PDB file of N, CA and C in Angstrom:
ATOM      1  N   UNK A   1       7.617  11.129  -8.216  1.00  0.00           N
ATOM      2  CA  UNK A   1       7.414  10.842  -6.734  1.00  0.00           C
ATOM      3  C   UNK A   1       5.998  10.522  -6.364  1.00  0.00           C
ATOM      4  N   UNK A   2       6.090   9.439  -5.346  1.00  0.00           N
ATOM      5  CA  UNK A   2       5.021   8.748  -5.030  1.00  0.00           C
ATOM      6  C   UNK A   2       4.790   9.022  -3.587  1.00  0.00           C
ATOM      7  N   UNK A   3       3.789   9.402  -3.162  1.00  0.00           N
ATOM      8  CA  UNK A   3       3.530   9.504  -1.771  1.00  0.00           C
ATOM      9  C   UNK A   3       2.370   8.786  -1.295  1.00  0.00           C
ATOM     10  N   UNK A   4       2.333   8.462   0.241  1.00  0.00           N
ATOM     11  CA  UNK A   4       1.297   8.035   0.779  1.00  0.00           C
ATOM     12  C   UNK A   4       0.321   8.930   1.444  1.00  0.00           C
ATOM     13  N   UNK A   5      -0.915   9.037   1.379  1.00  0.00           N
ATOM     14  CA  UNK A   5      -1.563   9.878   2.375  1.00  0.00           C
ATOM     15  C   UNK A   5      -2.935   9.188   3.103  1.00  0.00           C
ATOM     16  N   UNK A   6      -2.968   9.350   4.379  1.00  0.00           N
ATOM     17  CA  UNK A   6      -4.186   8.494   5.344  1.00  0.00           C
ATOM     18  C   UNK A   6      -5.288   9.502   5.160  1.00  0.00           C
ATOM     19  N   UNK A   7      -6.380   8.904   4.871  1.00  0.00           N
ATOM     20  CA  UNK A   7      -7.534   9.618   4.859  1.00  0.00           C
ATOM     21  C   UNK A   7      -8.421   8.863   5.881  1.00  0.00           C
ATOM     22  N   UNK A   8      -8.973   9.124   6.932  1.00  0.00           N
ATOM     23  CA  UNK A   8     -10.109   8.562   7.597  1.00  0.00           C
ATOM     24  C   UNK A   8      -9.567   7.101   8.035  1.00  0.00           C
ATOM     25  N   UNK A   9      -8.168   6.754   8.274  1.00  0.00           N
ATOM     26  CA  UNK A   9      -7.781   5.335   8.532  1.00  0.00           C
ATOM     27  C   UNK A   9      -7.336   4.764   7.348  1.00  0.00           C
ATOM     28  N   UNK A  10      -7.684   5.332   6.279  1.00  0.00           N
ATOM     29  CA  UNK A  10      -7.375   4.557   4.721  1.00  0.00           C
ATOM     30  C   UNK A  10      -6.151   5.081   3.852  1.00  0.00           C
ATOM     31  N   UNK A  11      -5.364   4.259   3.346  1.00  0.00           N
ATOM     32  CA  UNK A  11      -4.302   4.918   2.724  1.00  0.00           C
ATOM     33  C   UNK A  11      -4.366   5.072   1.433  1.00  0.00           C
ATOM     34  N   UNK A  12      -3.964   6.343   0.724  1.00  0.00           N
ATOM     35  CA  UNK A  12      -4.108   6.369  -0.597  1.00  0.00           C
ATOM     36  C   UNK A  12      -2.624   6.987  -1.045  1.00  0.00           C
ATOM     37  N   UNK A  13      -2.189   6.287  -2.372  1.00  0.00           N
ATOM     38  CA  UNK A  13      -1.126   6.423  -3.020  1.00  0.00           C
ATOM     39  C   UNK A  13      -1.359   7.792  -3.992  1.00  0.00           C
ATOM     40  N   UNK A  14      -0.301   8.815  -3.794  1.00  0.00           N
ATOM     41  CA  UNK A  14      -0.699   9.899  -4.456  1.00  0.00           C
ATOM     42  C   UNK A  14       0.395  10.230  -5.352  1.00  0.00           C
ATOM     43  N   UNK A  15      -0.074  10.468  -6.661  1.00  0.00           N
ATOM     44  CA  UNK A  15       1.268  10.643  -8.082  1.00  0.00           C
ATOM     45  C   UNK A  15       0.528  11.710  -8.584  1.00  0.00           C
ATOM     46  N   UNK A  16       1.409  12.362  -9.304  1.00  0.00           N
ATOM     47  CA  UNK A  16       1.303  13.545 -10.016  1.00  0.00           C
ATOM     48  C   UNK A  16       1.151  13.134 -11.483  1.00  0.00           C
ATOM     49  N   UNK A  17       0.154  13.494 -12.113  1.00  0.00           N
ATOM     50  CA  UNK A  17      -0.193  13.205 -13.740  1.00  0.00           C
ATOM     51  C   UNK A  17      -0.001  14.664 -14.276  1.00  0.00           C
ATOM     52  N   UNK A  18       1.288  14.646 -15.108  1.00  0.00           N
ATOM     53  CA  UNK A  18       1.583  15.698 -15.978  1.00  0.00           C
ATOM     54  C   UNK A  18       0.599  15.831 -16.864  1.00  0.00           C
ATOM     55  N   UNK A  19       0.045  14.895 -17.615  1.00  0.00           N
ATOM     56  CA  UNK A  19      -0.933  15.089 -18.480  1.00  0.00           C
ATOM     57  C   UNK A  19      -2.012  15.660 -18.347  1.00  0.00           C
ATOM     58  N   UNK A  20      -2.625  15.859 -17.272  1.00  0.00           N
ATOM     59  CA  UNK A  20      -3.778  16.715 -16.848  1.00  0.00           C
ATOM     60  C   UNK A  20      -3.137  17.739 -15.773  1.00  0.00           C
ATOM     61  N   UNK A  21      -2.148  17.541 -15.279  1.00  0.00           N
ATOM     62  CA  UNK A  21      -1.529  18.918 -14.398  1.00  0.00           C
ATOM     63  C   UNK A  21      -2.180  18.808 -12.980  1.00  0.00           C
ATOM     64  N   UNK A  22      -2.529  17.396 -12.594  1.00  0.00           N
ATOM     65  CA  UNK A  22      -3.237  17.300 -11.335  1.00  0.00           C
ATOM     66  C   UNK A  22      -2.661  16.144 -10.464  1.00  0.00           C
ATOM     67  N   UNK A  23      -2.937  16.258  -9.331  1.00  0.00           N
ATOM     68  CA  UNK A  23      -2.173  15.013  -8.551  1.00  0.00           C
ATOM     69  C   UNK A  23      -3.541  13.971  -8.469  1.00  0.00           C
ATOM     70  N   UNK A  24      -3.205  12.727  -8.670  1.00  0.00           N
ATOM     71  CA  UNK A  24      -3.975  11.492  -8.413  1.00  0.00           C
ATOM     72  C   UNK A  24      -3.841  10.788  -7.320  1.00  0.00           C
ATOM     73  N   UNK A  25      -5.044  10.628  -6.674  1.00  0.00           N
ATOM     74  CA  UNK A  25      -4.729   9.577  -5.188  1.00  0.00           C
ATOM     75  C   UNK A  25      -5.774   8.347  -5.611  1.00  0.00           C
ATOM     76  N   UNK A  26      -5.372   7.256  -5.128  1.00  0.00           N
ATOM     77  CA  UNK A  26      -6.103   6.153  -5.513  1.00  0.00           C
ATOM     78  C   UNK A  26      -5.789   5.295  -4.021  1.00  0.00           C
ATOM     79  N   UNK A  27      -7.003   5.053  -3.537  1.00  0.00           N
ATOM     80  CA  UNK A  27      -7.098   4.275  -2.189  1.00  0.00           C
ATOM     81  C   UNK A  27      -6.559   2.698  -2.298  1.00  0.00           C
ATOM     82  N   UNK A  28      -5.861   2.263  -1.439  1.00  0.00           N
ATOM     83  CA  UNK A  28      -5.226   1.162  -1.762  1.00  0.00           C
ATOM     84  C   UNK A  28      -5.832  -0.040  -0.435  1.00  0.00           C
ATOM     85  N   UNK A  29      -5.660  -1.206  -0.942  1.00  0.00           N
ATOM     86  CA  UNK A  29      -6.107  -2.287   0.020  1.00  0.00           C
ATOM     87  C   UNK A  29      -7.631  -2.247   0.149  1.00  0.00           C
ATOM     88  N   UNK A  30      -8.330  -1.656  -0.781  1.00  0.00           N
ATOM     89  CA  UNK A  30      -9.955  -1.872  -0.760  1.00  0.00           C
ATOM     90  C   UNK A  30     -10.337  -2.997  -1.787  1.00  0.00           C
ATOM     91  N   UNK A  31     -11.335  -3.505  -1.554  1.00  0.00           N
ATOM     92  CA  UNK A  31     -12.189  -4.457  -2.148  1.00  0.00           C
ATOM     93  C   UNK A  31     -13.017  -3.764  -3.624  1.00  0.00           C
ATOM     94  N   UNK A  32     -12.334  -2.739  -4.030  1.00  0.00           N
ATOM     95  CA  UNK A  32     -13.134  -2.206  -5.224  1.00  0.00           C
ATOM     96  C   UNK A  32     -11.963  -0.821  -5.389  1.00  0.00           C
ATOM     97  N   UNK A  33     -12.148   0.068  -6.435  1.00  0.00           N
ATOM     98  CA  UNK A  33     -11.496   1.145  -6.832  1.00  0.00           C
ATOM     99  C   UNK A  33     -11.915   2.427  -6.075  1.00  0.00           C
ATOM    100  N   UNK A  34     -11.382   3.281  -5.685  1.00  0.00           N
ATOM    101  CA  UNK A  34     -11.736   4.589  -5.331  1.00  0.00           C
ATOM    102  C   UNK A  34     -10.338   5.506  -5.617  1.00  0.00           C
ATOM    103  N   UNK A  35     -10.707   6.527  -6.360  1.00  0.00           N
ATOM    104  CA  UNK A  35      -9.673   7.393  -6.798  1.00  0.00           C
ATOM    105  C   UNK A  35     -10.190   9.095  -6.597  1.00  0.00           C
ATOM    106  N   UNK A  36      -9.352   9.796  -6.927  1.00  0.00           N
ATOM    107  CA  UNK A  36      -9.604  11.210  -6.642  1.00  0.00           C
ATOM    108  C   UNK A  36      -8.578  12.173  -7.197  1.00  0.00           C
ATOM    109  N   UNK A  37      -9.055  13.405  -7.694  1.00  0.00           N
ATOM    110  CA  UNK A  37      -7.973  14.097  -8.209  1.00  0.00           C
ATOM    111  C   UNK A  37      -8.021  15.732  -7.822  1.00  0.00           C
ATOM    112  N   UNK A  38      -6.999  16.343  -7.507  1.00  0.00           N
ATOM    113  CA  UNK A  38      -6.817  17.736  -7.101  1.00  0.00           C
ATOM    114  C   UNK A  38      -5.603  18.482  -7.465  1.00  0.00           C
ATOM    115  N   UNK A  39      -5.386  19.563  -7.294  1.00  0.00           N
ATOM    116  CA  UNK A  39      -4.159  20.583  -7.714  1.00  0.00           C
ATOM    117  C   UNK A  39      -3.432  20.610  -6.423  1.00  0.00           C
ATOM    118  N   UNK A  40      -4.039  20.386  -5.376  1.00  0.00           N
ATOM    119  CA  UNK A  40      -3.484  20.715  -3.904  1.00  0.00           C
ATOM    120  C   UNK A  40      -3.560  19.703  -2.889  1.00  0.00           C
ATOM    121  N   UNK A  41      -2.733  19.963  -2.067  1.00  0.00           N
ATOM    122  CA  UNK A  41      -2.729  18.805  -0.696  1.00  0.00           C
ATOM    123  C   UNK A  41      -4.183  19.036  -0.220  1.00  0.00           C
ATOM    124  N   UNK A  42      -4.747  20.265   0.186  1.00  0.00           N
ATOM    125  CA  UNK A  42      -5.762  20.408   0.792  1.00  0.00           C
ATOM    126  C   UNK A  42      -6.884  19.804  -0.148  1.00  0.00           C
ATOM    127  N   UNK A  43      -6.676  20.220  -1.503  1.00  0.00           N
ATOM    128  CA  UNK A  43      -7.958  19.333  -2.146  1.00  0.00           C
ATOM    129  C   UNK A  43      -7.804  18.193  -2.488  1.00  0.00           C
ATOM    130  N   UNK A  44      -6.852  17.526  -2.365  1.00  0.00           N
ATOM    131  CA  UNK A  44      -6.571  15.978  -2.202  1.00  0.00           C
ATOM    132  C   UNK A  44      -7.233  15.588  -0.936  1.00  0.00           C
ATOM    133  N   UNK A  45      -7.223  16.038   0.140  1.00  0.00           N
ATOM    134  CA  UNK A  45      -7.795  15.457   1.416  1.00  0.00           C
ATOM    135  C   UNK A  45      -9.387  15.772   1.280  1.00  0.00           C
ATOM    136  N   UNK A  46      -9.600  17.026   0.669  1.00  0.00           N
ATOM    137  CA  UNK A  46     -11.236  17.228   0.371  1.00  0.00           C
ATOM    138  C   UNK A  46     -11.739  16.142  -0.540  1.00  0.00           C
ATOM    139  N   UNK A  47     -11.309  16.052  -1.680  1.00  0.00           N
ATOM    140  CA  UNK A  47     -11.824  15.113  -2.839  1.00  0.00           C
ATOM    141  C   UNK A  47     -11.440  13.656  -2.068  1.00  0.00           C
ATOM    142  N   UNK A  48     -10.458  13.314  -1.562  1.00  0.00           N
ATOM    143  CA  UNK A  48     -10.226  12.078  -1.063  1.00  0.00           C
ATOM    144  C   UNK A  48     -11.337  11.844  -0.180  1.00  0.00           C
ATOM    145  N   UNK A  49     -11.820  12.551   0.820  1.00  0.00           N
ATOM    146  CA  UNK A  49     -13.024  12.452   1.812  1.00  0.00           C
ATOM    147  C   UNK A  49     -14.160  11.932   1.004  1.00  0.00           C
ATOM    148  N   UNK A  50     -14.440  12.639   0.020  1.00  0.00           N
ATOM    149  CA  UNK A  50     -15.570  12.621  -0.819  1.00  0.00           C
ATOM    150  C   UNK A  50     -15.544  11.031  -1.353  1.00  0.00           C
ATOM    151  N   UNK A  51     -14.536  10.739  -2.226  1.00  0.00           N
ATOM    152  CA  UNK A  51     -14.547   9.672  -2.921  1.00  0.00           C
ATOM    153  C   UNK A  51     -14.703   8.498  -2.023  1.00  0.00           C
ATOM    154  N   UNK A  52     -13.852   8.464  -0.776  1.00  0.00           N
ATOM    155  CA  UNK A  52     -14.061   7.486   0.344  1.00  0.00           C
ATOM    156  C   UNK A  52     -15.426   7.381   0.986  1.00  0.00           C
ATOM    157  N   UNK A  53     -16.242   8.403   0.993  1.00  0.00           N
ATOM    158  CA  UNK A  53     -17.319   8.453   1.624  1.00  0.00           C
ATOM    159  C   UNK A  53     -18.437   7.738   0.460  1.00  0.00           C
ATOM    160  N   UNK A  54     -18.225   8.040  -0.924  1.00  0.00           N
ATOM    161  CA  UNK A  54     -19.150   7.188  -1.691  1.00  0.00           C
ATOM    162  C   UNK A  54     -18.840   5.897  -1.698  1.00  0.00           C
ATOM    163  N   UNK A  55     -17.576   5.687  -1.728  1.00  0.00           N
ATOM    164  CA  UNK A  55     -17.208   4.179  -1.831  1.00  0.00           C
ATOM    165  C   UNK A  55     -17.554   3.366  -0.675  1.00  0.00           C
ATOM    166  N   UNK A  56     -17.522   3.672   0.607  1.00  0.00           N
ATOM    167  CA  UNK A  56     -17.962   3.240   1.760  1.00  0.00           C
ATOM    168  C   UNK A  56     -19.480   2.994   1.984  1.00  0.00           C
ATOM    169  N   UNK A  57     -20.114   3.978   1.226  1.00  0.00           N
ATOM    170  CA  UNK A  57     -21.705   3.886   0.972  1.00  0.00           C
ATOM    171  C   UNK A  57     -22.086   2.730   0.091  1.00  0.00           C
ATOM    172  N   UNK A  58     -21.379   2.528  -0.877  1.00  0.00           N
ATOM    173  CA  UNK A  58     -21.752   1.689  -1.974  1.00  0.00           C
ATOM    174  C   UNK A  58     -21.494   0.302  -1.253  1.00  0.00           C
ATOM    175  N   UNK A  59     -20.456   0.109  -0.584  1.00  0.00           N
ATOM    176  CA  UNK A  59     -20.000  -1.129   0.071  1.00  0.00           C
ATOM    177  C   UNK A  59     -21.292  -1.605   1.293  1.00  0.00           C
ATOM    178  N   UNK A  60     -21.667  -0.652   2.050  1.00  0.00           N
ATOM    179  CA  UNK A  60     -22.737  -0.864   2.708  1.00  0.00           C
ATOM    180  C   UNK A  60     -23.910  -1.399   2.110  1.00  0.00           C
ATOM    181  N   UNK A  61     -24.226  -0.616   1.026  1.00  0.00           N
ATOM    182  CA  UNK A  61     -25.457  -1.043   0.108  1.00  0.00           C
ATOM    183  C   UNK A  61     -25.366  -2.474  -0.472  1.00  0.00           C
ATOM    184  N   UNK A  62     -24.261  -2.797  -1.132  1.00  0.00           N
ATOM    185  CA  UNK A  62     -23.946  -4.159  -1.580  1.00  0.00           C
ATOM    186  C   UNK A  62     -23.350  -5.172  -0.440  1.00  0.00           C
ATOM    187  N   UNK A  63     -23.323  -4.689   0.920  1.00  0.00           N
ATOM    188  CA  UNK A  63     -22.951  -5.701   1.762  1.00  0.00           C
ATOM    189  C   UNK A  63     -21.605  -6.401   1.662  1.00  0.00           C
ATOM    190  N   UNK A  64     -20.739  -5.658   1.156  1.00  0.00           N
ATOM    191  CA  UNK A  64     -19.225  -5.764   0.967  1.00  0.00           C
ATOM    192  C   UNK A  64     -18.483  -5.100   1.903  1.00  0.00           C
ATOM    193  N   UNK A  65     -17.496  -5.987   2.580  1.00  0.00           N
ATOM    194  CA  UNK A  65     -16.469  -5.488   3.360  1.00  0.00           C
ATOM    195  C   UNK A  65     -15.448  -4.438   2.408  1.00  0.00           C
ATOM    196  N   UNK A  66     -15.296  -2.935   2.931  1.00  0.00           N
ATOM    197  CA  UNK A  66     -14.567  -2.158   2.188  1.00  0.00           C
ATOM    198  C   UNK A  66     -13.046  -2.565   2.098  1.00  0.00           C
ATOM    199  N   UNK A  67     -12.500  -3.305   2.937  1.00  0.00           N
ATOM    200  CA  UNK A  67     -11.196  -3.614   3.100  1.00  0.00           C
ATOM    201  C   UNK A  67     -10.851  -5.013   2.502  1.00  0.00           C
ATOM    202  N   UNK A  68      -9.964  -5.005   1.657  1.00  0.00           N
ATOM    203  CA  UNK A  68      -9.541  -6.509   1.030  1.00  0.00           C
ATOM    204  C   UNK A  68      -8.857  -7.207   2.424  1.00  0.00           C
ATOM    205  N   UNK A  69      -9.018  -8.517   2.387  1.00  0.00           N
ATOM    206  CA  UNK A  69      -8.376  -9.342   3.115  1.00  0.00           C
ATOM    207  C   UNK A  69      -7.105  -9.789   2.546  1.00  0.00           C
ATOM    208  N   UNK A  70      -5.880  -9.627   3.402  1.00  0.00           N
ATOM    209  CA  UNK A  70      -4.721 -10.387   3.097  1.00  0.00           C
ATOM    210  C   UNK A  70      -4.375 -11.650   3.811  1.00  0.00           C
ATOM    211  N   UNK A  71      -3.959 -12.550   3.175  1.00  0.00           N
ATOM    212  CA  UNK A  71      -3.800 -13.959   3.541  1.00  0.00           C
ATOM    213  C   UNK A  71      -2.546 -14.131   4.298  1.00  0.00           C
ATOM    214  N   UNK A  72      -1.511 -13.160   4.069  1.00  0.00           N
ATOM    215  CA  UNK A  72      -0.081 -13.035   5.002  1.00  0.00           C
ATOM    216  C   UNK A  72       0.739 -13.843   3.942  1.00  0.00           C
ATOM    217  N   UNK A  73       0.535 -14.643   2.882  1.00  0.00           N
ATOM    218  CA  UNK A  73       1.372 -15.246   2.081  1.00  0.00           C
ATOM    219  C   UNK A  73       1.546 -14.582   0.661  1.00  0.00           C
ATOM    220  N   UNK A  74       2.870 -14.510   0.095  1.00  0.00           N
ATOM    221  CA  UNK A  74       2.905 -14.171  -1.309  1.00  0.00           C
ATOM    222  C   UNK A  74       4.361 -14.825  -1.791  1.00  0.00           C
ATOM    223  N   UNK A  75       4.050 -14.958  -3.194  1.00  0.00           N
ATOM    224  CA  UNK A  75       5.367 -15.886  -3.682  1.00  0.00           C
ATOM    225  C   UNK A  75       6.346 -14.616  -4.278  1.00  0.00           C
ATOM    226  N   UNK A  76       7.445 -14.967  -3.851  1.00  0.00           N
ATOM    227  CA  UNK A  76       8.518 -13.900  -4.591  1.00  0.00           C
ATOM    228  C   UNK A  76       9.700 -14.733  -5.406  1.00  0.00           C
ATOM    229  N   UNK A  77       9.845 -14.004  -6.578  1.00  0.00           N
ATOM    230  CA  UNK A  77      10.926 -14.834  -7.284  1.00  0.00           C
ATOM    231  C   UNK A  77      11.893 -14.137  -7.297  1.00  0.00           C
ATOM    232  N   UNK A  78      13.128 -14.762  -6.794  1.00  0.00           N
ATOM    233  CA  UNK A  78      14.353 -14.084  -6.677  1.00  0.00           C
ATOM    234  C   UNK A  78      15.497 -14.789  -7.612  1.00  0.00           C
ATOM    235  N   UNK A  79      16.493 -13.999  -7.811  1.00  0.00           N
ATOM    236  CA  UNK A  79      17.633 -14.789  -8.654  1.00  0.00           C
ATOM    237  C   UNK A  79      18.149 -15.685  -7.661  1.00  0.00           C
ATOM    238  N   UNK A  80      18.836 -16.725  -8.238  1.00  0.00           N
ATOM    239  CA  UNK A  80      19.498 -17.928  -7.391  1.00  0.00           C
ATOM    240  C   UNK A  80      20.575 -17.251  -6.558  1.00  0.00           C
ATOM    241  N   UNK A  81      21.242 -16.522  -7.194  1.00  0.00           N
ATOM    242  CA  UNK A  81      22.415 -15.701  -6.467  1.00  0.00           C
ATOM    243  C   UNK A  81      21.986 -15.074  -5.138  1.00  0.00           C
ATOM    244  N   UNK A  82      20.659 -14.304  -5.240  1.00  0.00           N
ATOM    245  CA  UNK A  82      20.150 -13.483  -4.038  1.00  0.00           C
ATOM    246  C   UNK A  82      19.469 -14.394  -3.103  1.00  0.00           C
ATOM    247  N   UNK A  83      19.040 -15.411  -3.549  1.00  0.00           N
ATOM    248  CA  UNK A  83      18.624 -16.502  -2.784  1.00  0.00           C
ATOM    249  C   UNK A  83      19.833 -17.287  -1.779  1.00  0.00           C
ATOM    250  N   UNK A  84      20.625 -17.412  -2.472  1.00  0.00           N
ATOM    251  CA  UNK A  84      21.847 -17.796  -1.834  1.00  0.00           C
ATOM    252  C   UNK A  84      22.287 -17.021  -0.592  1.00  0.00           C
ATOM    253  N   UNK A  85      22.621 -15.698  -1.091  1.00  0.00           N
ATOM    254  CA  UNK A  85      22.911 -14.932   0.008  1.00  0.00           C
ATOM    255  C   UNK A  85      22.076 -14.593   1.188  1.00  0.00           C
ATOM    256  N   UNK A  86      20.838 -14.615   0.861  1.00  0.00           N
ATOM    257  CA  UNK A  86      19.663 -14.621   1.800  1.00  0.00           C
ATOM    258  C   UNK A  86      20.068 -15.755   2.682  1.00  0.00           C
ATOM    259  N   UNK A  87      19.884 -17.143   2.209  1.00  0.00           N
ATOM    260  CA  UNK A  87      20.091 -18.220   3.092  1.00  0.00           C
ATOM    261  C   UNK A  87      21.159 -18.289   3.907  1.00  0.00           C
ATOM    262  N   UNK A  88      22.426 -17.744   3.517  1.00  0.00           N
ATOM    263  CA  UNK A  88      23.601 -17.670   4.221  1.00  0.00           C
ATOM    264  C   UNK A  88      23.189 -16.659   5.255  1.00  0.00           C
ATOM    265  N   UNK A  89      22.905 -15.336   5.277  1.00  0.00           N
ATOM    266  CA  UNK A  89      22.844 -14.434   6.074  1.00  0.00           C
ATOM    267  C   UNK A  89      21.660 -15.004   7.056  1.00  0.00           C
ATOM    268  N   UNK A  90      20.606 -15.728   6.654  1.00  0.00           N
ATOM    269  CA  UNK A  90      19.629 -16.260   7.545  1.00  0.00           C
ATOM    270  C   UNK A  90      20.319 -17.334   8.415  1.00  0.00           C
ATOM    271  N   UNK A  91      21.129 -18.236   7.999  1.00  0.00           N
ATOM    272  CA  UNK A  91      21.828 -19.244   8.724  1.00  0.00           C
ATOM    273  C   UNK A  91      22.811 -18.775   9.659  1.00  0.00           C
ATOM    274  N   UNK A  92      23.663 -17.431   9.181  1.00  0.00           N
ATOM    275  CA  UNK A  92      24.570 -16.965  10.238  1.00  0.00           C
ATOM    276  C   UNK A  92      23.731 -16.346  11.403  1.00  0.00           C
ATOM    277  N   UNK A  93      22.684 -15.792  10.977  1.00  0.00           N
ATOM    278  CA  UNK A  93      21.787 -14.902  12.267  1.00  0.00           C
ATOM    279  C   UNK A  93      20.955 -16.353  13.259  1.00  0.00           C
ATOM    280  N   UNK A  94      21.230 -17.398  12.713  1.00  0.00           N
ATOM    281  CA  UNK A  94      20.266 -18.491  13.720  1.00  0.00           C
ATOM    282  C   UNK A  94      19.053 -18.502  13.248  1.00  0.00           C
ATOM    283  N   UNK A  95      18.471 -17.979  12.089  1.00  0.00           N
ATOM    284  CA  UNK A  95      17.196 -18.174  11.813  1.00  0.00           C
ATOM    285  C   UNK A  95      16.833 -18.529  10.272  1.00  0.00           C
ATOM    286  N   UNK A  96      15.620 -18.804  10.209  1.00  0.00           N
ATOM    287  CA  UNK A  96      14.918 -19.350   8.939  1.00  0.00           C
ATOM    288  C   UNK A  96      14.859 -18.335   7.937  1.00  0.00           C
ATOM    289  N   UNK A  97      14.829 -18.725   6.656  1.00  0.00           N
ATOM    290  CA  UNK A  97      14.962 -17.560   5.586  1.00  0.00           C
ATOM    291  C   UNK A  97      13.589 -16.911   5.897  1.00  0.00           C
ATOM    292  N   UNK A  98      12.440 -17.685   5.997  1.00  0.00           N
ATOM    293  CA  UNK A  98      11.035 -16.922   6.298  1.00  0.00           C
ATOM    294  C   UNK A  98      11.334 -15.840   7.655  1.00  0.00           C
ATOM    295  N   UNK A  99      11.903 -16.216   8.607  1.00  0.00           N
ATOM    296  CA  UNK A  99      11.733 -15.289   9.693  1.00  0.00           C
ATOM    297  C   UNK A  99      12.656 -14.199   9.349  1.00  0.00           C
ATOM    298  N   UNK A 100      14.151 -14.300   8.621  1.00  0.00           N
ATOM    299  CA  UNK A 100      14.947 -13.514   8.400  1.00  0.00           C
ATOM    300  C   UNK A 100      14.382 -12.307   7.353  1.00  0.00           C
ATOM    301  N   UNK A 101      13.821 -12.853   6.218  1.00  0.00           N
ATOM    302  CA  UNK A 101      13.023 -12.054   5.407  1.00  0.00           C
ATOM    303  C   UNK A 101      11.566 -11.465   6.199  1.00  0.00           C
ATOM    304  N   UNK A 102      11.050 -11.794   7.139  1.00  0.00           N
ATOM    305  CA  UNK A 102      10.185 -11.018   7.564  1.00  0.00           C
ATOM    306  C   UNK A 102      10.526  -9.864   8.413  1.00  0.00           C
ATOM    307  N   UNK A 103      11.800 -10.129   9.371  1.00  0.00           N
ATOM    308  CA  UNK A 103      12.102  -9.089   9.870  1.00  0.00           C
ATOM    309  C   UNK A 103      12.781  -8.109   8.893  1.00  0.00           C
ATOM    310  N   UNK A 104      13.371  -8.512   7.851  1.00  0.00           N
ATOM    311  CA  UNK A 104      14.028  -7.387   6.518  1.00  0.00           C
ATOM    312  C   UNK A 104      12.835  -6.661   6.283  1.00  0.00           C
ATOM    313  N   UNK A 105      11.858  -7.231   5.899  1.00  0.00           N
ATOM    314  CA  UNK A 105      10.541  -6.706   5.070  1.00  0.00           C
ATOM    315  C   UNK A 105       9.929  -5.684   6.498  1.00  0.00           C
ATOM    316  N   UNK A 106       9.823  -6.096   7.523  1.00  0.00           N
ATOM    317  CA  UNK A 106       9.351  -5.177   8.418  1.00  0.00           C
ATOM    318  C   UNK A 106      10.123  -4.081   8.561  1.00  0.00           C
ATOM    319  N   UNK A 107      11.413  -4.191   8.896  1.00  0.00           N
ATOM    320  CA  UNK A 107      12.414  -3.068   8.809  1.00  0.00           C
ATOM    321  C   UNK A 107      12.108  -2.148   7.936  1.00  0.00           C
ATOM    322  N   UNK A 108      12.221  -2.757   6.789  1.00  0.00           N
ATOM    323  CA  UNK A 108      12.241  -1.655   5.458  1.00  0.00           C
ATOM    324  C   UNK A 108      10.903  -0.963   5.364  1.00  0.00           C
ATOM    325  N   UNK A 109       9.819  -1.540   5.542  1.00  0.00           N
ATOM    326  CA  UNK A 109       8.577  -1.217   5.631  1.00  0.00           C
ATOM    327  C   UNK A 109       8.394  -0.052   6.609  1.00  0.00           C
ATOM    328  N   UNK A 110       8.854  -0.082   7.905  1.00  0.00           N
ATOM    329  CA  UNK A 110       9.042   0.666   9.081  1.00  0.00           C
ATOM    330  C   UNK A 110       9.608   1.826   8.752  1.00  0.00           C
ATOM    331  N   UNK A 111      10.809   1.804   8.010  1.00  0.00           N
ATOM    332  CA  UNK A 111      11.486   3.031   7.601  1.00  0.00           C
ATOM    333  C   UNK A 111      10.759   3.865   6.499  1.00  0.00           C
ATOM    334  N   UNK A 112       9.873   3.279   5.847  1.00  0.00           N
ATOM    335  CA  UNK A 112       9.282   3.720   4.799  1.00  0.00           C
ATOM    336  C   UNK A 112       7.991   4.744   5.419  1.00  0.00           C
ATOM    337  N   UNK A 113       7.136   4.315   6.603  1.00  0.00           N
ATOM    338  CA  UNK A 113       6.064   4.841   7.231  1.00  0.00           C
ATOM    339  C   UNK A 113       6.686   6.234   8.155  1.00  0.00           C
ATOM    340  N   UNK A 114       7.939   6.216   8.455  1.00  0.00           N
ATOM    341  CA  UNK A 114       8.211   7.252   9.191  1.00  0.00           C
ATOM    342  C   UNK A 114       8.095   8.814   8.689  1.00  0.00           C
TER     343      UNK A 114
END
């Protein structure tokens, strides 16, 4: 199971590592790597705060923006059959494929955030 934990406005993906018997957190959307380990949720929050603090300090020292910039564009490869179905649904709703996909992705990601 994968979960997302927010620490001081930054999101981290949490996974269990059975090899070491600990949870591993890794901050996402950063201009570099910052991870942390613990055996409990409280421990993850504590270690996550430490890891983030070190990462942010290094960013200040190096003059780097800690958050990665996203362009708002990405390429997606899908099967021709799926492409045809999406095009039909978009057309039936009077929308472009792009608008239809943005709404579908927004809906799905909003469901995951709840």
